[in-house]
Amino acid sequence: MTLLRDADLAAAFDHAARSYDTLVAANPGYHAHLRRSVRRLGLPRGGAGLSVLDLGCGTGASTAALAAELPGAAITAVDASAGMLRRAARRSWPRPVRFVNAPVEGLAEAGVHGPFDAVFAAYLLRNTADPDAVLARAHRLLAPHGRLAVHEYALSGRAAHRAVWSAVCGGLVLPVATLLGDGPLYRHLWRSVVTFDTAGQLARRVRGAGFERVRVLPLPGWQTGITHTVVARRPSSGKGKAGR
C-alpha cells in the first residue's frame, strides 16, 4: 500500500473528522499521554506569558492537552485538514485559541511567523512527506532556547512492540474504520508507523535538525515501546545546524 501524502492525506482526514474522536476515545491513555508529553516541555508557571505552537492539531486533542497543562499560554493551533480543524474550533476552550488551516510549508503565507516559546507536534512527522523540512521549520519558528516536544508513534525497534501495534490495528482499529468508510486513512496510519523511524532514529533526526538536549521518553500502558516523546531545545541564536 502506498502511503497517503499532502492533499490526498488532508482529504482523507477531512472525511474521517466526523468519527475521529470516537476512535480516539477507544484508545486507553490517549489524552493522558498527550498531557504527559506537554508536561515534558518543562515550561514554567503554567506557560504564563508564553506562546506555544501546536503543529498538526487535528480535532484538538493535542490543543486540549496544551490548554489543560499550560493555562497561561497563548496557543496557535495549525492543521492542513479543514475538516479536522472545524471540529477543533467547535470545542469549548477556556481561553481563545488561534486556529490556522495551513500545511507546515504554508505557515508563513498563513500569517504564522513566531517566534514561539514552544512547539508541540503530536502524530505529525510520520504523516509528512519531508519530516526534516518540518523540523527545520519548527527550529526557525522557535525563540532561542525554545522547547520542542514530538509526541509520536515511533517503535522501539523490538519485534514484540511492532507485533502489538499491528495486532491492535488489524484486530480493532482497521475493522471499525472500514465500517465507518475510513479504511484507506487508517491503513495509511498503520503502515506509516511500521515504516517510520524507530524512537532512536527519530531522536537522531531531531538532533540533526540542529536541536540540543534531545531526550527520548517512553509512554506507559499498552503503548510502551510504541509511542514516545522526543523533547529538545533550540540552541541560543546562531547555534545549531538549522539556525545557521
Protein backbone atom coordinates (compact mmCIF):
# COMPACT_ATOMS: atom_id res chain seq x y z
CA MET A 1 0.00 0.00 0.00
CA THR A 2 1.25 3.48 -0.92
CA LEU A 3 1.18 6.00 1.91
CA LEU A 4 -1.16 8.95 1.53
CA ARG A 5 0.54 12.33 1.24
CA ASP A 6 -0.24 16.04 1.05
CA ALA A 7 -3.67 16.81 -0.49
CA ASP A 8 -4.75 13.13 -0.52
CA LEU A 9 -3.97 12.76 3.18
CA ALA A 10 -5.68 16.05 4.07
CA ALA A 11 -8.78 14.92 2.16
CA ALA A 12 -8.79 11.57 3.99
CA PHE A 13 -8.60 13.37 7.34
CA ASP A 14 -11.41 15.71 6.21
CA HIS A 15 -13.62 12.68 5.58
CA ALA A 16 -12.68 10.98 8.85
CA ALA A 17 -13.15 14.09 11.01
CA ARG A 18 -16.74 13.21 11.92
CA SER A 19 -15.75 9.95 13.65
CA TYR A 20 -12.12 10.59 14.56
CA ASP A 21 -12.77 11.49 18.19
CA THR A 22 -14.89 8.36 18.66
CA LEU A 23 -12.00 6.12 17.61
CA VAL A 24 -9.53 8.13 19.71
CA ALA A 25 -11.74 7.68 22.77
CA ALA A 26 -11.33 3.90 22.42
CA ASN A 27 -7.56 4.23 22.88
CA PRO A 28 -6.74 3.86 26.60
CA GLY A 29 -4.48 6.64 27.82
CA TYR A 30 -4.59 8.68 24.60
CA HIS A 31 -5.43 12.00 26.23
CA ALA A 32 -3.37 11.36 29.37
CA HIS A 33 -0.33 10.59 27.22
CA LEU A 34 -0.69 13.87 25.35
CA ARG A 35 -0.86 15.78 28.64
CA ARG A 36 2.22 13.93 29.88
CA SER A 37 4.13 14.97 26.75
CA VAL A 38 3.05 18.59 27.27
CA ARG A 39 4.40 18.49 30.83
CA ARG A 40 7.68 17.17 29.45
CA LEU A 41 8.18 20.50 27.68
CA GLY A 42 9.11 21.78 31.13
CA LEU A 43 7.60 25.23 30.64
CA PRO A 44 7.45 27.31 33.84
CA ARG A 45 4.46 28.89 35.60
CA GLY A 46 1.83 27.04 33.60
CA GLY A 47 3.03 28.77 30.46
CA ALA A 48 2.07 32.23 31.71
CA GLY A 49 3.08 34.84 29.16
CA LEU A 50 4.45 32.23 26.73
CA SER A 51 3.38 31.39 23.17
CA VAL A 52 3.00 27.79 22.00
CA LEU A 53 2.53 26.39 18.51
CA ASP A 54 0.51 23.18 18.13
CA LEU A 55 1.60 21.70 14.80
CA GLY A 56 -0.87 19.19 13.38
CA CYS A 57 -3.62 19.83 15.95
CA GLY A 58 -6.22 17.61 14.26
CA THR A 59 -9.58 17.77 16.04
CA GLY A 60 -7.95 19.49 19.00
CA ALA A 61 -6.87 16.69 21.33
CA SER A 62 -3.31 17.97 21.47
CA THR A 63 -4.59 21.54 21.80
CA ALA A 64 -6.77 20.49 24.74
CA ALA A 65 -3.75 18.90 26.41
CA LEU A 66 -1.79 22.14 25.96
CA ALA A 67 -4.68 24.23 27.32
CA ALA A 68 -5.05 21.95 30.36
CA GLU A 69 -1.38 21.84 31.29
CA LEU A 70 -0.43 25.38 30.20
CA PRO A 71 -3.44 27.52 31.14
CA GLY A 72 -1.45 30.73 30.87
CA ALA A 73 -0.04 30.16 27.38
CA ALA A 74 -1.20 31.71 24.13
CA ILE A 75 -1.84 28.78 21.75
CA THR A 76 -1.74 28.79 17.96
CA ALA A 77 -3.06 25.51 16.53
CA VAL A 78 -2.39 24.55 12.91
CA ASP A 79 -3.62 21.74 10.68
CA ALA A 80 -3.74 21.06 6.95
CA SER A 81 -7.18 19.40 7.18
CA ALA A 82 -10.03 21.91 7.14
CA GLY A 83 -12.46 19.23 8.36
CA MET A 84 -10.37 18.33 11.39
CA LEU A 85 -9.79 21.99 12.17
CA ARG A 86 -13.51 22.77 12.10
CA ARG A 87 -14.04 20.10 14.74
CA ALA A 88 -11.30 21.60 16.86
CA ALA A 89 -12.70 25.11 16.59
CA ARG A 90 -16.14 23.93 17.72
CA ARG A 91 -14.82 22.75 21.08
CA SER A 92 -15.31 24.85 24.19
CA TRP A 93 -11.97 26.48 25.07
CA PRO A 94 -11.15 28.06 28.45
CA ARG A 95 -9.11 30.71 26.64
CA PRO A 96 -9.16 31.80 22.99
CA VAL A 97 -7.09 29.63 20.66
CA ARG A 98 -5.92 30.83 17.27
CA PHE A 99 -6.72 28.15 14.67
CA VAL A 100 -4.98 28.24 11.30
CA ASN A 101 -5.74 25.99 8.31
CA ALA A 102 -2.40 25.51 6.57
CA PRO A 103 0.24 22.87 5.83
CA VAL A 104 3.54 23.32 7.63
CA GLU A 105 5.22 24.61 4.48
CA GLY A 106 2.50 27.26 4.15
CA LEU A 107 2.68 28.73 7.65
CA ALA A 108 4.34 31.99 6.63
CA GLU A 109 1.71 32.62 3.95
CA ALA A 110 -0.99 31.92 6.56
CA GLY A 111 0.48 34.54 8.91
CA VAL A 112 2.21 32.21 11.38
CA HIS A 113 5.68 33.63 11.96
CA GLY A 114 6.72 33.20 15.60
CA PRO A 115 8.92 33.28 17.48
CA PHE A 116 7.29 30.73 19.78
CA ASP A 117 8.47 29.61 23.18
CA ALA A 118 7.50 26.01 22.42
CA VAL A 119 6.40 23.83 19.52
CA PHE A 120 4.30 20.72 20.16
CA ALA A 121 3.92 18.21 17.32
CA ALA A 122 1.73 15.19 18.02
CA TYR A 123 1.37 12.38 15.47
CA LEU A 124 2.61 14.71 12.72
CA LEU A 125 6.09 13.89 11.46
CA ARG A 126 5.41 10.41 10.11
CA ASN A 127 2.47 11.84 8.12
CA THR A 128 4.60 14.37 6.27
CA ALA A 129 6.48 13.84 3.03
CA ASP A 130 9.59 15.57 4.43
CA PRO A 131 9.96 15.27 8.24
CA ASP A 132 13.34 17.01 8.13
CA ALA A 133 11.78 20.09 6.50
CA VAL A 134 9.11 20.15 9.21
CA LEU A 135 11.74 20.03 11.94
CA ALA A 136 13.73 22.77 10.21
CA ARG A 137 10.61 24.95 10.10
CA ALA A 138 9.93 24.27 13.79
CA HIS A 139 13.52 25.24 14.56
CA ARG A 140 13.13 28.55 12.72
CA LEU A 141 9.83 29.31 14.46
CA LEU A 142 11.27 28.81 17.95
CA ALA A 143 12.85 31.53 20.02
CA PRO A 144 16.40 30.85 21.25
CA HIS A 145 16.18 28.14 23.93
CA GLY A 146 12.60 27.42 22.83
CA ARG A 147 11.34 23.92 23.59
CA LEU A 148 10.23 21.18 21.20
CA ALA A 149 8.14 18.12 22.03
CA VAL A 150 7.46 15.50 19.35
CA HIS A 151 4.77 13.06 20.52
CA GLU A 152 4.84 10.24 18.02
CA TYR A 153 4.24 6.60 17.24
CA ALA A 154 7.91 5.66 16.92
CA LEU A 155 8.56 2.00 17.62
CA SER A 156 11.35 0.86 19.91
CA GLY A 157 12.79 -1.43 17.26
CA ARG A 158 11.79 -4.58 19.14
CA ALA A 159 9.75 -7.09 17.15
CA ALA A 160 7.30 -7.51 20.07
CA HIS A 161 6.29 -3.86 20.01
CA ARG A 162 5.80 -3.89 16.25
CA ALA A 163 3.63 -7.02 16.65
CA VAL A 164 1.45 -5.36 19.30
CA TRP A 165 0.90 -2.34 17.07
CA SER A 166 -0.08 -4.46 14.08
CA ALA A 167 -2.35 -6.67 16.21
CA VAL A 168 -4.24 -3.69 17.65
CA CYS A 169 -4.64 -2.13 14.21
CA GLY A 170 -5.62 -5.35 12.46
CA GLY A 171 -7.91 -6.64 15.19
CA LEU A 172 -9.70 -3.46 16.23
CA VAL A 173 -8.86 -0.18 14.53
CA LEU A 174 -8.98 -1.22 10.87
CA PRO A 175 -12.26 -3.20 11.05
CA VAL A 176 -14.06 -0.32 12.81
CA ALA A 177 -12.57 2.31 10.50
CA THR A 178 -13.57 0.27 7.44
CA LEU A 179 -17.16 0.10 8.68
CA LEU A 180 -17.10 3.89 9.06
CA GLY A 181 -15.83 4.31 5.49
CA ASP A 182 -12.35 5.42 6.51
CA GLY A 183 -10.37 2.26 5.82
CA PRO A 184 -7.81 3.89 3.48
CA LEU A 185 -6.83 6.50 6.08
CA TYR A 186 -6.37 4.02 8.90
CA ARG A 187 -4.48 1.57 6.69
CA HIS A 188 -2.20 4.51 5.95
CA LEU A 189 -1.86 5.27 9.67
CA TRP A 190 -0.98 1.65 10.46
CA ARG A 191 1.63 1.50 7.72
CA SER A 192 3.01 4.96 8.48
CA VAL A 193 4.10 3.70 11.89
CA VAL A 194 5.79 0.49 10.75
CA THR A 195 7.69 2.32 8.01
CA PHE A 196 8.67 5.38 10.08
CA ASP A 197 11.70 5.97 12.30
CA THR A 198 12.34 3.98 15.42
CA ALA A 199 12.49 6.11 18.55
CA GLY A 200 16.27 6.23 18.36
CA GLN A 201 16.22 7.22 14.70
CA LEU A 202 13.71 9.96 15.44
CA ALA A 203 15.97 11.37 18.16
CA ARG A 204 18.87 11.43 15.73
CA ARG A 205 16.67 13.18 13.17
CA VAL A 206 15.75 15.87 15.73
CA ARG A 207 19.41 16.30 16.69
CA GLY A 208 20.36 16.56 13.01
CA ALA A 209 17.89 19.43 12.60
CA GLY A 210 20.01 21.49 14.99
CA PHE A 211 18.30 20.85 18.31
CA GLU A 212 20.17 20.22 21.55
CA ARG A 213 19.40 18.39 24.81
CA VAL A 214 17.49 15.73 22.86
CA ARG A 215 15.86 13.06 25.02
CA VAL A 216 13.60 10.11 24.20
CA LEU A 217 11.00 9.40 26.86
CA PRO A 218 8.64 6.39 26.82
CA LEU A 219 4.92 6.43 27.46
CA PRO A 220 3.14 3.89 29.67
CA GLY A 221 0.39 1.33 29.15
CA TRP A 222 -0.14 -0.75 26.03
CA GLN A 223 1.78 1.86 24.02
CA THR A 224 5.04 1.18 25.86
CA GLY A 225 7.68 0.78 23.17
CA ILE A 226 5.23 2.11 20.57
CA THR A 227 4.71 5.78 21.42
CA HIS A 228 7.45 8.13 22.67
CA THR A 229 8.02 11.77 23.46
CA VAL A 230 11.16 13.29 21.99
CA VAL A 231 11.95 16.56 23.75
CA ALA A 232 14.63 19.02 22.72
CA ARG A 233 15.66 22.65 22.81
CA ARG A 234 16.70 25.14 20.18
CA PRO A 235 20.18 26.43 21.00
CA SER A 236 20.84 30.11 21.56
CA SER A 237 20.73 32.28 18.44
CA GLY A 238 23.38 31.49 15.87
CA LYS A 239 23.99 27.92 17.05
CA GLY A 240 22.74 24.67 15.61
CA LYS A 241 22.50 23.38 12.05
CA ALA A 242 19.07 24.80 11.23
CA GLY A 243 19.88 28.19 12.70
CA ARG A 244 22.94 28.84 10.54
